[in-house]
């Protein structure tokens, strides 16, 4: 398995499911994209602005070139 750790926060293009936000966060922090996706889905069970945060990150984080 290829390790994708990056120094800057960018959205992943090759491992994206929706917008690449979770894969980009996983790359930045050396985690599995599946782990980040599961954590995000579990956080959606709690009250809060998770979807708004995801959309904001989608807009703010640049796509990896």
PDB file of N, CA and C in Angstrom:
ATOM      1  N   UNK A   1       0.847  -1.176   0.000  1.00  0.00           N
ATOM      2  CA  UNK A   1       0.000   0.000   0.000  1.00  0.00           C
ATOM      3  C   UNK A   1       0.893   1.240   0.000  1.00  0.00           C
ATOM      4  N   UNK A   2       0.534   2.231  -0.758  1.00  0.00           N
ATOM      5  CA  UNK A   2       1.327   3.443  -0.899  1.00  0.00           C
ATOM      6  C   UNK A   2       1.000   4.418   0.230  1.00  0.00           C
ATOM      7  N   UNK A   3       2.038   4.980   0.825  1.00  0.00           N
ATOM      8  CA  UNK A   3       1.864   5.995   1.871  1.00  0.00           C
ATOM      9  C   UNK A   3       1.783   7.356   1.196  1.00  0.00           C
ATOM     10  N   UNK A   4       0.758   8.140   1.504  1.00  0.00           N
ATOM     11  CA  UNK A   4       0.487   9.395   0.822  1.00  0.00           C
ATOM     12  C   UNK A   4       0.717  10.629   1.676  1.00  0.00           C
ATOM     13  N   UNK A   5       1.485  10.583   2.714  1.00  0.00           N
ATOM     14  CA  UNK A   5       1.617  11.719   3.628  1.00  0.00           C
ATOM     15  C   UNK A   5       2.138  12.955   2.896  1.00  0.00           C
ATOM     16  N   UNK A   6       1.422  14.066   3.016  1.00  0.00           N
ATOM     17  CA  UNK A   6       1.815  15.315   2.386  1.00  0.00           C
ATOM     18  C   UNK A   6       2.070  16.367   3.454  1.00  0.00           C
ATOM     19  N   UNK A   7       2.807  17.404   3.091  1.00  0.00           N
ATOM     20  CA  UNK A   7       3.112  18.479   4.026  1.00  0.00           C
ATOM     21  C   UNK A   7       1.987  19.506   4.078  1.00  0.00           C
ATOM     22  N   UNK A   8       1.326  19.746   2.972  1.00  0.00           N
ATOM     23  CA  UNK A   8       0.254  20.743   2.945  1.00  0.00           C
ATOM     24  C   UNK A   8      -1.099  20.047   2.816  1.00  0.00           C
ATOM     25  N   UNK A   9      -2.124  20.769   3.137  1.00  0.00           N
ATOM     26  CA  UNK A   9      -3.475  20.222   3.078  1.00  0.00           C
ATOM     27  C   UNK A   9      -4.056  20.495   1.703  1.00  0.00           C
ATOM     28  N   UNK A  10      -4.264  19.438   0.933  1.00  0.00           N
ATOM     29  CA  UNK A  10      -4.880  19.536  -0.387  1.00  0.00           C
ATOM     30  C   UNK A  10      -5.910  18.419  -0.519  1.00  0.00           C
ATOM     31  N   UNK A  11      -6.902  18.657  -1.364  1.00  0.00           N
ATOM     32  CA  UNK A  11      -7.914  17.625  -1.618  1.00  0.00           C
ATOM     33  C   UNK A  11      -7.342  16.598  -2.577  1.00  0.00           C
ATOM     34  N   UNK A  12      -7.555  15.350  -2.288  1.00  0.00           N
ATOM     35  CA  UNK A  12      -7.061  14.262  -3.117  1.00  0.00           C
ATOM     36  C   UNK A  12      -7.886  14.150  -4.388  1.00  0.00           C
ATOM     37  N   UNK A  13      -7.210  13.870  -5.497  1.00  0.00           N
ATOM     38  CA  UNK A  13      -7.922  13.662  -6.762  1.00  0.00           C
ATOM     39  C   UNK A  13      -8.112  12.179  -7.041  1.00  0.00           C
ATOM     40  N   UNK A  14      -7.106  11.382  -6.743  1.00  0.00           N
ATOM     41  CA  UNK A  14      -7.151   9.971  -7.113  1.00  0.00           C
ATOM     42  C   UNK A  14      -7.892   9.095  -6.113  1.00  0.00           C
ATOM     43  N   UNK A  15      -8.039   9.538  -4.865  1.00  0.00           N
ATOM     44  CA  UNK A  15      -8.730   8.736  -3.857  1.00  0.00           C
ATOM     45  C   UNK A  15      -9.995   9.414  -3.361  1.00  0.00           C
ATOM     46  N   UNK A  16     -10.522  10.338  -4.118  1.00  0.00           N
ATOM     47  CA  UNK A  16     -11.725  11.074  -3.722  1.00  0.00           C
ATOM     48  C   UNK A  16     -12.971  10.217  -3.908  1.00  0.00           C
ATOM     49  N   UNK A  17     -13.906  10.354  -2.983  1.00  0.00           N
ATOM     50  CA  UNK A  17     -15.209   9.711  -3.130  1.00  0.00           C
ATOM     51  C   UNK A  17     -16.229  10.766  -3.525  1.00  0.00           C
ATOM     52  N   UNK A  18     -16.315  11.847  -2.774  1.00  0.00           N
ATOM     53  CA  UNK A  18     -17.220  12.945  -3.131  1.00  0.00           C
ATOM     54  C   UNK A  18     -16.405  14.135  -3.620  1.00  0.00           C
ATOM     55  N   UNK A  19     -15.640  14.738  -2.718  1.00  0.00           N
ATOM     56  CA  UNK A  19     -14.860  15.914  -3.099  1.00  0.00           C
ATOM     57  C   UNK A  19     -13.385  15.775  -2.762  1.00  0.00           C
ATOM     58  N   UNK A  20     -13.000  14.698  -2.101  1.00  0.00           N
ATOM     59  CA  UNK A  20     -11.606  14.497  -1.748  1.00  0.00           C
ATOM     60  C   UNK A  20     -11.200  15.113  -0.424  1.00  0.00           C
ATOM     61  N   UNK A  21     -12.158  15.642   0.329  1.00  0.00           N
ATOM     62  CA  UNK A  21     -11.844  16.301   1.602  1.00  0.00           C
ATOM     63  C   UNK A  21     -11.330  15.283   2.621  1.00  0.00           C
ATOM     64  N   UNK A  22     -12.036  14.193   2.819  1.00  0.00           N
ATOM     65  CA  UNK A  22     -11.612  13.189   3.799  1.00  0.00           C
ATOM     66  C   UNK A  22     -10.289  12.541   3.391  1.00  0.00           C
ATOM     67  N   UNK A  23     -10.117  12.251   2.115  1.00  0.00           N
ATOM     68  CA  UNK A  23      -8.852  11.671   1.641  1.00  0.00           C
ATOM     69  C   UNK A  23      -7.714  12.666   1.808  1.00  0.00           C
ATOM     70  N   UNK A  24      -7.970  13.938   1.569  1.00  0.00           N
ATOM     71  CA  UNK A  24      -6.946  14.962   1.760  1.00  0.00           C
ATOM     72  C   UNK A  24      -6.549  15.109   3.217  1.00  0.00           C
ATOM     73  N   UNK A  25      -7.528  15.088   4.112  1.00  0.00           N
ATOM     74  CA  UNK A  25      -7.235  15.137   5.544  1.00  0.00           C
ATOM     75  C   UNK A  25      -6.455  13.896   5.976  1.00  0.00           C
ATOM     76  N   UNK A  26      -6.837  12.743   5.449  1.00  0.00           N
ATOM     77  CA  UNK A  26      -6.131  11.501   5.777  1.00  0.00           C
ATOM     78  C   UNK A  26      -4.686  11.560   5.288  1.00  0.00           C
ATOM     79  N   UNK A  27      -4.470  12.063   4.088  1.00  0.00           N
ATOM     80  CA  UNK A  27      -3.111  12.201   3.557  1.00  0.00           C
ATOM     81  C   UNK A  27      -2.279  13.119   4.433  1.00  0.00           C
ATOM     82  N   UNK A  28      -2.857  14.213   4.848  1.00  0.00           N
ATOM     83  CA  UNK A  28      -2.123  15.207   5.630  1.00  0.00           C
ATOM     84  C   UNK A  28      -1.713  14.675   6.997  1.00  0.00           C
ATOM     85  N   UNK A  29      -2.590  13.889   7.625  1.00  0.00           N
ATOM     86  CA  UNK A  29      -2.325  13.416   8.980  1.00  0.00           C
ATOM     87  C   UNK A  29      -1.874  11.960   9.042  1.00  0.00           C
ATOM     88  N   UNK A  30      -1.587  11.352   7.885  1.00  0.00           N
ATOM     89  CA  UNK A  30      -1.045   9.996   7.852  1.00  0.00           C
ATOM     90  C   UNK A  30      -2.025   8.928   8.303  1.00  0.00           C
ATOM     91  N   UNK A  31      -3.282   9.105   7.971  1.00  0.00           N
ATOM     92  CA  UNK A  31      -4.319   8.149   8.356  1.00  0.00           C
ATOM     93  C   UNK A  31      -4.885   7.489   7.103  1.00  0.00           C
ATOM     94  N   UNK A  32      -5.694   6.484   7.316  1.00  0.00           N
ATOM     95  CA  UNK A  32      -6.400   5.839   6.218  1.00  0.00           C
ATOM     96  C   UNK A  32      -7.614   6.693   5.839  1.00  0.00           C
ATOM     97  N   UNK A  33      -7.873   6.889   4.543  1.00  0.00           N
ATOM     98  CA  UNK A  33      -9.064   7.633   4.144  1.00  0.00           C
ATOM     99  C   UNK A  33     -10.353   6.989   4.665  1.00  0.00           C
ATOM    100  N   UNK A  34     -10.383   5.677   4.730  1.00  0.00           N
ATOM    101  CA  UNK A  34     -11.560   4.983   5.240  1.00  0.00           C
ATOM    102  C   UNK A  34     -11.809   5.359   6.700  1.00  0.00           C
ATOM    103  N   UNK A  35     -10.757   5.457   7.491  1.00  0.00           N
ATOM    104  CA  UNK A  35     -10.890   5.840   8.897  1.00  0.00           C
ATOM    105  C   UNK A  35     -11.482   7.239   9.031  1.00  0.00           C
ATOM    106  N   UNK A  36     -10.988   8.169   8.235  1.00  0.00           N
ATOM    107  CA  UNK A  36     -11.486   9.547   8.297  1.00  0.00           C
ATOM    108  C   UNK A  36     -12.945   9.600   7.850  1.00  0.00           C
ATOM    109  N   UNK A  37     -13.289   8.853   6.826  1.00  0.00           N
ATOM    110  CA  UNK A  37     -14.677   8.825   6.345  1.00  0.00           C
ATOM    111  C   UNK A  37     -15.618   8.255   7.406  1.00  0.00           C
ATOM    112  N   UNK A  38     -15.195   7.177   8.056  1.00  0.00           N
ATOM    113  CA  UNK A  38     -16.026   6.563   9.108  1.00  0.00           C
ATOM    114  C   UNK A  38     -16.182   7.535  10.279  1.00  0.00           C
ATOM    115  N   UNK A  39     -15.092   8.198  10.672  1.00  0.00           N
ATOM    116  CA  UNK A  39     -15.176   9.182  11.754  1.00  0.00           C
ATOM    117  C   UNK A  39     -16.118  10.320  11.389  1.00  0.00           C
ATOM    118  N   UNK A  40     -16.067  10.773  10.139  1.00  0.00           N
ATOM    119  CA  UNK A  40     -16.987  11.823   9.708  1.00  0.00           C
ATOM    120  C   UNK A  40     -18.435  11.347   9.768  1.00  0.00           C
ATOM    121  N   UNK A  41     -18.689  10.144   9.267  1.00  0.00           N
ATOM    122  CA  UNK A  41     -20.057   9.618   9.296  1.00  0.00           C
ATOM    123  C   UNK A  41     -20.559   9.440  10.727  1.00  0.00           C
ATOM    124  N   UNK A  42     -19.695   8.971  11.624  1.00  0.00           N
ATOM    125  CA  UNK A  42     -20.092   8.833  13.028  1.00  0.00           C
ATOM    126  C   UNK A  42     -20.357  10.198  13.657  1.00  0.00           C
ATOM    127  N   UNK A  43     -19.566  11.204  13.272  1.00  0.00           N
ATOM    128  CA  UNK A  43     -19.787  12.546  13.821  1.00  0.00           C
ATOM    129  C   UNK A  43     -21.121  13.127  13.358  1.00  0.00           C
ATOM    130  N   UNK A  44     -21.625  12.654  12.234  1.00  0.00           N
ATOM    131  CA  UNK A  44     -22.911  13.147  11.727  1.00  0.00           C
ATOM    132  C   UNK A  44     -24.076  12.681  12.599  1.00  0.00           C
ATOM    133  N   UNK A  45     -23.839  11.674  13.436  1.00  0.00           N
ATOM    134  CA  UNK A  45     -24.886  11.232  14.357  1.00  0.00           C
ATOM    135  C   UNK A  45     -25.054  12.201  15.516  1.00  0.00           C
ATOM    136  N   UNK A  46     -24.049  13.039  15.743  1.00  0.00           N
ATOM    137  CA  UNK A  46     -24.099  14.036  16.807  1.00  0.00           C
ATOM    138  C   UNK A  46     -24.642  15.349  16.251  1.00  0.00           C
ATOM    139  N   UNK A  47     -25.249  16.158  17.094  1.00  0.00           N
ATOM    140  CA  UNK A  47     -25.716  17.458  16.605  1.00  0.00           C
ATOM    141  C   UNK A  47     -24.528  18.370  16.323  1.00  0.00           C
ATOM    142  N   UNK A  48     -24.655  19.148  15.274  1.00  0.00           N
ATOM    143  CA  UNK A  48     -23.586  20.082  14.936  1.00  0.00           C
ATOM    144  C   UNK A  48     -23.529  20.360  13.444  1.00  0.00           C
ATOM    145  N   UNK A  49     -22.648  21.234  13.044  1.00  0.00           N
ATOM    146  CA  UNK A  49     -22.581  21.682  11.646  1.00  0.00           C
ATOM    147  C   UNK A  49     -21.597  20.876  10.790  1.00  0.00           C
ATOM    148  N   UNK A  50     -21.613  19.548  10.895  1.00  0.00           N
ATOM    149  CA  UNK A  50     -20.643  18.735  10.168  1.00  0.00           C
ATOM    150  C   UNK A  50     -20.737  18.926   8.651  1.00  0.00           C
ATOM    151  N   UNK A  51     -21.934  18.945   8.120  1.00  0.00           N
ATOM    152  CA  UNK A  51     -22.082  19.086   6.673  1.00  0.00           C
ATOM    153  C   UNK A  51     -21.637  20.471   6.206  1.00  0.00           C
ATOM    154  N   UNK A  52     -21.920  21.488   7.001  1.00  0.00           N
ATOM    155  CA  UNK A  52     -21.457  22.837   6.651  1.00  0.00           C
ATOM    156  C   UNK A  52     -19.935  22.910   6.688  1.00  0.00           C
ATOM    157  N   UNK A  53     -19.325  22.248   7.672  1.00  0.00           N
ATOM    158  CA  UNK A  53     -17.866  22.211   7.753  1.00  0.00           C
ATOM    159  C   UNK A  53     -17.281  21.499   6.535  1.00  0.00           C
ATOM    160  N   UNK A  54     -17.884  20.384   6.131  1.00  0.00           N
ATOM    161  CA  UNK A  54     -17.412  19.645   4.960  1.00  0.00           C
ATOM    162  C   UNK A  54     -17.482  20.529   3.710  1.00  0.00           C
ATOM    163  N   UNK A  55     -18.594  21.222   3.527  1.00  0.00           N
ATOM    164  CA  UNK A  55     -18.753  22.098   2.364  1.00  0.00           C
ATOM    165  C   UNK A  55     -17.746  23.241   2.413  1.00  0.00           C
ATOM    166  N   UNK A  56     -17.517  23.807   3.595  1.00  0.00           N
ATOM    167  CA  UNK A  56     -16.525  24.878   3.734  1.00  0.00           C
ATOM    168  C   UNK A  56     -15.125  24.369   3.390  1.00  0.00           C
ATOM    169  N   UNK A  57     -14.776  23.173   3.873  1.00  0.00           N
ATOM    170  CA  UNK A  57     -13.462  22.605   3.537  1.00  0.00           C
ATOM    171  C   UNK A  57     -13.355  22.310   2.049  1.00  0.00           C
ATOM    172  N   UNK A  58     -14.443  21.886   1.435  1.00  0.00           N
ATOM    173  CA  UNK A  58     -14.471  21.624  -0.002  1.00  0.00           C
ATOM    174  C   UNK A  58     -14.128  22.908  -0.769  1.00  0.00           C
ATOM    175  N   UNK A  59     -14.628  24.023  -0.296  1.00  0.00           N
ATOM    176  CA  UNK A  59     -14.388  25.305  -0.961  1.00  0.00           C
ATOM    177  C   UNK A  59     -12.983  25.842  -0.645  1.00  0.00           C
ATOM    178  N   UNK A  60     -12.544  25.699   0.608  1.00  0.00           N
ATOM    179  CA  UNK A  60     -11.294  26.328   1.054  1.00  0.00           C
ATOM    180  C   UNK A  60     -10.048  25.536   0.640  1.00  0.00           C
ATOM    181  N   UNK A  61     -10.075  24.211   0.779  1.00  0.00           N
ATOM    182  CA  UNK A  61      -8.880  23.399   0.510  1.00  0.00           C
ATOM    183  C   UNK A  61      -8.678  23.280  -0.993  1.00  0.00           C
ATOM    184  N   UNK A  62      -7.475  23.622  -1.478  1.00  0.00           N
ATOM    185  CA  UNK A  62      -7.223  23.523  -2.933  1.00  0.00           C
ATOM    186  C   UNK A  62      -7.105  22.077  -3.388  1.00  0.00           C
ATOM    187  N   UNK A  63      -7.475  21.821  -4.627  1.00  0.00           N
ATOM    188  CA  UNK A  63      -7.355  20.480  -5.205  1.00  0.00           C
ATOM    189  C   UNK A  63      -5.898  20.231  -5.570  1.00  0.00           C
ATOM    190  N   UNK A  64      -5.425  19.029  -5.263  1.00  0.00           N
ATOM    191  CA  UNK A  64      -4.051  18.670  -5.578  1.00  0.00           C
ATOM    192  C   UNK A  64      -3.877  18.639  -7.096  1.00  0.00           C
ATOM    193  N   UNK A  65      -2.800  19.235  -7.558  1.00  0.00           N
ATOM    194  CA  UNK A  65      -2.554  19.279  -9.019  1.00  0.00           C
ATOM    195  C   UNK A  65      -1.761  18.109  -9.507  1.00  0.00           C
TER     196      UNK A  65
END
